[in-house]
Each structure stands twice: as structure tokens, then as C-alpha cells.
C-alpha atoms as a PDB file:
ATOM      1  CA  UNK A   1     -26.366  10.137 -11.896  1.00  0.00           C
ATOM      2  CA  UNK A   2     -22.587   9.996 -12.382  1.00  0.00           C
ATOM      3  CA  UNK A   3     -21.962  12.318  -9.441  1.00  0.00           C
ATOM      4  CA  UNK A   4     -24.334  10.278  -7.250  1.00  0.00           C
ATOM      5  CA  UNK A   5     -22.510   7.068  -8.178  1.00  0.00           C
ATOM      6  CA  UNK A   6     -19.172   8.773  -7.542  1.00  0.00           C
ATOM      7  CA  UNK A   7     -20.412   9.952  -4.131  1.00  0.00           C
ATOM      8  CA  UNK A   8     -21.714   6.479  -3.296  1.00  0.00           C
ATOM      9  CA  UNK A   9     -18.367   4.993  -4.317  1.00  0.00           C
ATOM     10  CA  UNK A  10     -16.553   7.411  -1.994  1.00  0.00           C
ATOM     11  CA  UNK A  11     -18.902   6.504   0.849  1.00  0.00           C
ATOM     12  CA  UNK A  12     -18.121   2.821   0.248  1.00  0.00           C
ATOM     13  CA  UNK A  13     -14.385   3.618   0.459  1.00  0.00           C
ATOM     14  CA  UNK A  14     -14.919   5.581   3.684  1.00  0.00           C
ATOM     15  CA  UNK A  15     -16.935   2.682   5.113  1.00  0.00           C
ATOM     16  CA  UNK A  16     -14.190   0.207   4.249  1.00  0.00           C
ATOM     17  CA  UNK A  17     -11.516   2.435   5.744  1.00  0.00           C
ATOM     18  CA  UNK A  18     -13.471   3.245   8.914  1.00  0.00           C
ATOM     19  CA  UNK A  19     -14.444  -0.370   9.555  1.00  0.00           C
ATOM     20  CA  UNK A  20     -11.034  -1.957   9.250  1.00  0.00           C
ATOM     21  CA  UNK A  21      -9.556  -3.765  12.232  1.00  0.00           C
ATOM     22  CA  UNK A  22      -6.438  -1.603  11.836  1.00  0.00           C
ATOM     23  CA  UNK A  23      -6.986   2.173  12.189  1.00  0.00           C
ATOM     24  CA  UNK A  24      -5.307   4.375   9.559  1.00  0.00           C
ATOM     25  CA  UNK A  25      -2.810   5.746  12.097  1.00  0.00           C
ATOM     26  CA  UNK A  26      -1.806   2.188  13.054  1.00  0.00           C
ATOM     27  CA  UNK A  27      -1.529   1.248   9.369  1.00  0.00           C
ATOM     28  CA  UNK A  28       0.868   4.153   8.772  1.00  0.00           C
ATOM     29  CA  UNK A  29       2.919   3.176  11.826  1.00  0.00           C
ATOM     30  CA  UNK A  30       3.028  -0.454  10.671  1.00  0.00           C
ATOM     31  CA  UNK A  31       4.267   0.552   7.213  1.00  0.00           C
ATOM     32  CA  UNK A  32       6.903   2.807   8.774  1.00  0.00           C
ATOM     33  CA  UNK A  33       7.970   0.166  11.291  1.00  0.00           C
ATOM     34  CA  UNK A  34       8.448  -2.526   8.635  1.00  0.00           C
ATOM     35  CA  UNK A  35      10.120  -0.229   6.075  1.00  0.00           C
ATOM     36  CA  UNK A  36      13.718  -1.215   5.281  1.00  0.00           C
ATOM     37  CA  UNK A  37      16.186   1.537   6.223  1.00  0.00           C
ATOM     38  CA  UNK A  38      17.148   2.239   2.600  1.00  0.00           C
ATOM     39  CA  UNK A  39      13.522   2.515   1.398  1.00  0.00           C
ATOM     40  CA  UNK A  40      11.915   5.944   1.201  1.00  0.00           C
ATOM     41  CA  UNK A  41       8.114   6.176   1.424  1.00  0.00           C
ATOM     42  CA  UNK A  42       6.876   9.134  -0.622  1.00  0.00           C
ATOM     43  CA  UNK A  43       3.133   8.549  -0.494  1.00  0.00           C
ATOM     44  CA  UNK A  44       0.492   6.404   1.138  1.00  0.00           C
ATOM     45  CA  UNK A  45      -2.821   6.632  -0.678  1.00  0.00           C
ATOM     46  CA  UNK A  46      -6.120   4.811  -0.374  1.00  0.00           C
ATOM     47  CA  UNK A  47      -8.907   4.520  -2.941  1.00  0.00           C
ATOM     48  CA  UNK A  48     -11.083   1.900  -4.616  1.00  0.00           C
ATOM     49  CA  UNK A  49     -10.455  -0.562  -1.801  1.00  0.00           C
ATOM     50  CA  UNK A  50      -6.688  -0.482  -2.282  1.00  0.00           C
ATOM     51  CA  UNK A  51      -3.858   1.104  -0.319  1.00  0.00           C
ATOM     52  CA  UNK A  52      -0.930   2.301  -2.427  1.00  0.00           C
ATOM     53  CA  UNK A  53       2.615   2.686  -1.111  1.00  0.00           C
ATOM     54  CA  UNK A  54       4.848   4.716  -3.414  1.00  0.00           C
ATOM     55  CA  UNK A  55       8.478   5.429  -2.758  1.00  0.00           C
ATOM     56  CA  UNK A  56      12.037   4.982  -3.866  1.00  0.00           C
ATOM     57  CA  UNK A  57      15.497   3.812  -2.978  1.00  0.00           C
ATOM     58  CA  UNK A  58      19.062   4.439  -4.096  1.00  0.00           C
ATOM     59  CA  UNK A  59      20.284   1.017  -5.141  1.00  0.00           C
ATOM     60  CA  UNK A  60      21.234  -0.853  -8.271  1.00  0.00           C
ATOM     61  CA  UNK A  61      18.270  -2.373 -10.084  1.00  0.00           C
ATOM     62  CA  UNK A  62      19.264  -5.857  -8.948  1.00  0.00           C
ATOM     63  CA  UNK A  63      19.677  -4.834  -5.287  1.00  0.00           C
ATOM     64  CA  UNK A  64      16.449  -2.762  -5.357  1.00  0.00           C
ATOM     65  CA  UNK A  65      14.543  -5.745  -6.726  1.00  0.00           C
ATOM     66  CA  UNK A  66      15.851  -7.961  -3.919  1.00  0.00           C
ATOM     67  CA  UNK A  67      15.094  -5.358  -1.203  1.00  0.00           C
ATOM     68  CA  UNK A  68      11.567  -4.730  -2.502  1.00  0.00           C
ATOM     69  CA  UNK A  69      10.821  -8.442  -2.886  1.00  0.00           C
ATOM     70  CA  UNK A  70      11.874  -8.997   0.734  1.00  0.00           C
ATOM     71  CA  UNK A  71       9.800  -6.015   1.887  1.00  0.00           C
ATOM     72  CA  UNK A  72       6.677  -7.265   0.089  1.00  0.00           C
ATOM     73  CA  UNK A  73       7.223 -10.736   1.577  1.00  0.00           C
ATOM     74  CA  UNK A  74       7.480  -9.182   5.050  1.00  0.00           C
ATOM     75  CA  UNK A  75       4.296  -7.160   4.494  1.00  0.00           C
ATOM     76  CA  UNK A  76       2.468 -10.320   3.371  1.00  0.00           C
ATOM     77  CA  UNK A  77       3.446 -12.219   6.506  1.00  0.00           C
ATOM     78  CA  UNK A  78       2.770  -9.333   8.887  1.00  0.00           C
ATOM     79  CA  UNK A  79      -0.080 -10.554  11.152  1.00  0.00           C
ATOM     80  CA  UNK A  80      -1.753  -7.139  11.395  1.00  0.00           C
ATOM     81  CA  UNK A  81      -1.698  -6.543   7.632  1.00  0.00           C
ATOM     82  CA  UNK A  82      -2.544 -10.132   6.665  1.00  0.00           C
ATOM     83  CA  UNK A  83      -5.881  -9.921   8.490  1.00  0.00           C
ATOM     84  CA  UNK A  84      -6.815  -6.753   6.609  1.00  0.00           C
ATOM     85  CA  UNK A  85      -5.554  -7.247   3.049  1.00  0.00           C
ATOM     86  CA  UNK A  86      -6.361 -10.041   0.601  1.00  0.00           C
ATOM     87  CA  UNK A  87      -3.319  -9.356  -1.566  1.00  0.00           C
ATOM     88  CA  UNK A  88      -0.102  -7.371  -1.320  1.00  0.00           C
ATOM     89  CA  UNK A  89       1.815  -6.950  -4.574  1.00  0.00           C
ATOM     90  CA  UNK A  90       4.605  -4.869  -5.991  1.00  0.00           C
ATOM     91  CA  UNK A  91       3.091  -3.337  -9.114  1.00  0.00           C
ATOM     92  CA  UNK A  92       5.959  -1.260 -10.457  1.00  0.00           C
ATOM     93  CA  UNK A  93       9.674  -0.626 -10.212  1.00  0.00           C
ATOM     94  CA  UNK A  94      11.316   1.946 -12.479  1.00  0.00           C
ATOM     95  CA  UNK A  95      14.729   3.563 -12.605  1.00  0.00           C
ATOM     96  CA  UNK A  96      14.702   7.349 -12.467  1.00  0.00           C
ATOM     97  CA  UNK A  97      18.054   8.026 -14.146  1.00  0.00           C
ATOM     98  CA  UNK A  98      17.849  11.758 -13.518  1.00  0.00           C
ATOM     99  CA  UNK A  99      17.406  11.337  -9.757  1.00  0.00           C
ATOM    100  CA  UNK A 100      19.552   8.201  -9.550  1.00  0.00           C
ATOM    101  CA  UNK A 101      16.836   6.277  -7.721  1.00  0.00           C
ATOM    102  CA  UNK A 102      14.493   3.356  -8.211  1.00  0.00           C
ATOM    103  CA  UNK A 103      10.804   4.262  -7.845  1.00  0.00           C
ATOM    104  CA  UNK A 104       8.292   1.619  -6.810  1.00  0.00           C
ATOM    105  CA  UNK A 105       4.637   1.041  -6.033  1.00  0.00           C
ATOM    106  CA  UNK A 106       3.142  -1.617  -3.747  1.00  0.00           C
ATOM    107  CA  UNK A 107      -0.621  -2.258  -3.702  1.00  0.00           C
ATOM    108  CA  UNK A 108      -2.479  -3.666  -0.716  1.00  0.00           C
ATOM    109  CA  UNK A 109      -6.012  -4.773  -1.625  1.00  0.00           C
ATOM    110  CA  UNK A 110      -8.528  -4.745   1.213  1.00  0.00           C
ATOM    111  CA  UNK A 111     -10.468  -7.895   1.952  1.00  0.00           C
ATOM    112  CA  UNK A 112     -14.041  -7.412   0.802  1.00  0.00           C
ATOM    113  CA  UNK A 113     -16.446  -6.362   3.536  1.00  0.00           C
ATOM    114  CA  UNK A 114     -20.035  -5.280   3.159  1.00  0.00           C
ATOM    115  CA  UNK A 115     -22.017  -2.867   5.301  1.00  0.00           C
ATOM    116  CA  UNK A 116     -24.345  -4.540   7.787  1.00  0.00           C
ATOM    117  CA  UNK A 117     -27.922  -3.846   6.838  1.00  0.00           C
END
């Protein structure tokens, strides 16, 4: 039963992704277009109805916090993303002393949609 539920959950995720008003390729372009020049995107991932943006930047903690706050604010006001996501939040920011960078994660939660029956 667990594997059936897992498969059903994956199908729900595929449905949500396939039925969004913004195709995945356009989503990736939108993230890249809005990305501040000093922000590096390492990974875009989607599961459980949430898109995850993970990346880094070489800035002081204070400057990184300001840059990321501005970026999240821009994502929230983006007309194409606002229609698709119910919330956009920065969920982590950590200094990687060894690499000399700040790592971050931003979560974009899809608005709830249900399959038409």
C-alpha cells in the first residue's frame, strides 16, 4: 500500500506541475531572469507541491540577507509567479566558511488545484 500511495502522490505532483499556467521551461527562465547578478542558482527542484530554489552568493552575511530579502520580495510581486504560487519564502541562509559563500533556500508553494473529475 505504501508504494501505491507513493505512486499516487507522484502522480498528484505531476498533475500539479503539468497543469500550471506557467510551463516548467518558462518558470526556469523567469527565475533566471529575476536572479540578481551576484546570486548563484545551484538547484531548482519540485516536489510535494513546492518548488525549491537553492543557491549561494559571495557576500557578507548582512549584505546577503539584504540581497536575498529583495530577491524574495521581487519574486512575490512577479505577476507570472504570483498567479501560480500561494507563498514564496526564504527558508534558510547559512554561511559556508570553507567555501566563503552564503547558501540559501527559497520555497515557492503552489496554489492548491484539484484534478477535474
